[in-house]
C-alpha atoms as a PDB file:
ATOM      1  CA  MET A   1       0.000   0.000   0.000  1.00  0.00           C
ATOM      2  CA  ASN A   2       1.266   3.505  -0.814  1.00  0.00           C
ATOM      3  CA  LYS A   3       2.014   5.905   2.013  1.00  0.00           C
ATOM      4  CA  PRO A   4      -0.886   8.343   2.491  1.00  0.00           C
ATOM      5  CA  ASP A   5      -0.324  11.802   1.068  1.00  0.00           C
ATOM      6  CA  PHE A   6      -2.416  13.416   3.813  1.00  0.00           C
ATOM      7  CA  ASN A   7      -0.207  13.584   6.877  1.00  0.00           C
ATOM      8  CA  ILE A   8      -2.548  13.490   9.857  1.00  0.00           C
ATOM      9  CA  ASP A   9       0.345  14.005  12.287  1.00  0.00           C
ATOM     10  CA  PHE A  10       1.246  17.288  10.589  1.00  0.00           C
ATOM     11  CA  PHE A  11      -2.412  18.313  10.597  1.00  0.00           C
ATOM     12  CA  LEU A  12      -2.637  17.570  14.335  1.00  0.00           C
ATOM     13  CA  LYS A  13       0.584  19.473  15.023  1.00  0.00           C
ATOM     14  CA  VAL A  14      -0.449  22.662  13.201  1.00  0.00           C
ATOM     15  CA  SER A  15      -3.954  22.627  14.676  1.00  0.00           C
ATOM     16  CA  LYS A  16      -2.773  22.186  18.277  1.00  0.00           C
ATOM     17  CA  GLY A  17      -3.829  25.168  20.354  1.00  0.00           C
ATOM     18  CA  ILE A  18      -5.950  26.476  17.483  1.00  0.00           C
ATOM     19  CA  MET A  19      -8.700  23.848  17.455  1.00  0.00           C
ATOM     20  CA  THR A  20     -10.222  21.831  20.243  1.00  0.00           C
ATOM     21  CA  PRO A  21     -10.251  18.047  19.707  1.00  0.00           C
ATOM     22  CA  GLU A  22     -13.970  18.327  18.941  1.00  0.00           C
ATOM     23  CA  GLU A  23     -13.373  21.020  16.307  1.00  0.00           C
ATOM     24  CA  LEU A  24     -10.567  18.968  14.791  1.00  0.00           C
ATOM     25  CA  ASN A  25     -12.763  15.879  14.598  1.00  0.00           C
ATOM     26  CA  LYS A  26     -15.579  17.914  13.018  1.00  0.00           C
ATOM     27  CA  THR A  27     -13.149  19.382  10.470  1.00  0.00           C
ATOM     28  CA  LEU A  28     -11.825  15.946   9.497  1.00  0.00           C
ATOM     29  CA  LEU A  29     -15.375  14.624   9.103  1.00  0.00           C
ATOM     30  CA  GLU A  30     -16.268  17.612   6.908  1.00  0.00           C
ATOM     31  CA  LEU A  31     -13.224  16.940   4.708  1.00  0.00           C
ATOM     32  CA  VAL A  32     -14.389  13.324   4.367  1.00  0.00           C
ATOM     33  CA  ASP A  33     -17.992  14.410   3.653  1.00  0.00           C
ATOM     34  CA  ARG A  34     -16.786  16.826   0.971  1.00  0.00           C
ATOM     35  CA  GLY A  35     -14.779  14.068  -0.676  1.00  0.00           C
ATOM     36  CA  LEU A  36     -11.361  15.648  -0.100  1.00  0.00           C
ATOM     37  CA  ILE A  37      -9.965  12.875   2.108  1.00  0.00           C
ATOM     38  CA  GLU A  38     -10.961   9.329   2.890  1.00  0.00           C
ATOM     39  CA  GLN A  39     -10.433   7.409   6.079  1.00  0.00           C
ATOM     40  CA  TYR A  40      -9.220   3.812   6.116  1.00  0.00           C
ATOM     41  CA  THR A  41      -7.773   1.302   8.537  1.00  0.00           C
ATOM     42  CA  ASN A  42      -4.123   0.354   7.978  1.00  0.00           C
ATOM     43  CA  GLU A  43      -2.632  -3.119   8.474  1.00  0.00           C
ATOM     44  CA  ASN A  44      -2.074  -2.356  12.195  1.00  0.00           C
ATOM     45  CA  GLY A  45      -5.753  -1.496  12.692  1.00  0.00           C
ATOM     46  CA  ASP A  46      -5.049   2.243  13.044  1.00  0.00           C
ATOM     47  CA  PHE A  47      -7.164   4.871  11.302  1.00  0.00           C
ATOM     48  CA  GLU A  48      -5.376   6.828   8.599  1.00  0.00           C
ATOM     49  CA  PHE A  49      -6.433   9.378   6.025  1.00  0.00           C
ATOM     50  CA  GLU A  50      -5.610   9.743   2.357  1.00  0.00           C
ATOM     51  CA  LEU A  51      -6.299  12.482  -0.152  1.00  0.00           C
ATOM     52  CA  THR A  52      -8.835  11.626  -2.819  1.00  0.00           C
ATOM     53  CA  ASP A  53      -8.358  12.642  -6.444  1.00  0.00           C
ATOM     54  CA  LEU A  54     -10.516  15.692  -5.722  1.00  0.00           C
ATOM     55  CA  GLY A  55      -8.399  16.466  -2.645  1.00  0.00           C
ATOM     56  CA  ARG A  56      -5.202  16.306  -4.722  1.00  0.00           C
ATOM     57  CA  GLU A  57      -6.739  18.581  -7.361  1.00  0.00           C
ATOM     58  CA  VAL A  58      -7.839  21.142  -4.767  1.00  0.00           C
ATOM     59  CA  GLY A  59      -4.409  20.998  -3.108  1.00  0.00           C
ATOM     60  CA  GLU A  60      -2.650  21.581  -6.425  1.00  0.00           C
ATOM     61  CA  GLN A  61      -4.904  24.544  -7.176  1.00  0.00           C
ATOM     62  CA  MET A  62      -4.208  26.002  -3.737  1.00  0.00           C
ATOM     63  CA  ASN A  63      -0.458  25.591  -4.276  1.00  0.00           C
ATOM     64  CA  ARG A  64      -0.680  27.389  -7.649  1.00  0.00           C
ATOM     65  CA  ILE A  65      -2.626  30.262  -6.077  1.00  0.00           C
ATOM     66  CA  ASN A  66      -0.182  30.451  -3.170  1.00  0.00           C
ATOM     67  CA  LYS A  67       2.782  30.687  -5.563  1.00  0.00           C
ATOM     68  CA  SER A  68       1.147  33.529  -7.495  1.00  0.00           C
END
């Protein structure tokens, strides 16, 4: 299996002190509901997240805008 391209540890690190755990959970669920990330269980039984094709496309567009 490929390594996920959505790094949940980084997301948790940058949101620490900005979002409560409840807000973080709600945000992750909204990203899943909008089709930007999907949640799966890895071979160790841990939850992980991965960008969807739409999530990659949105991320690329955001990167292009940020570079402009």
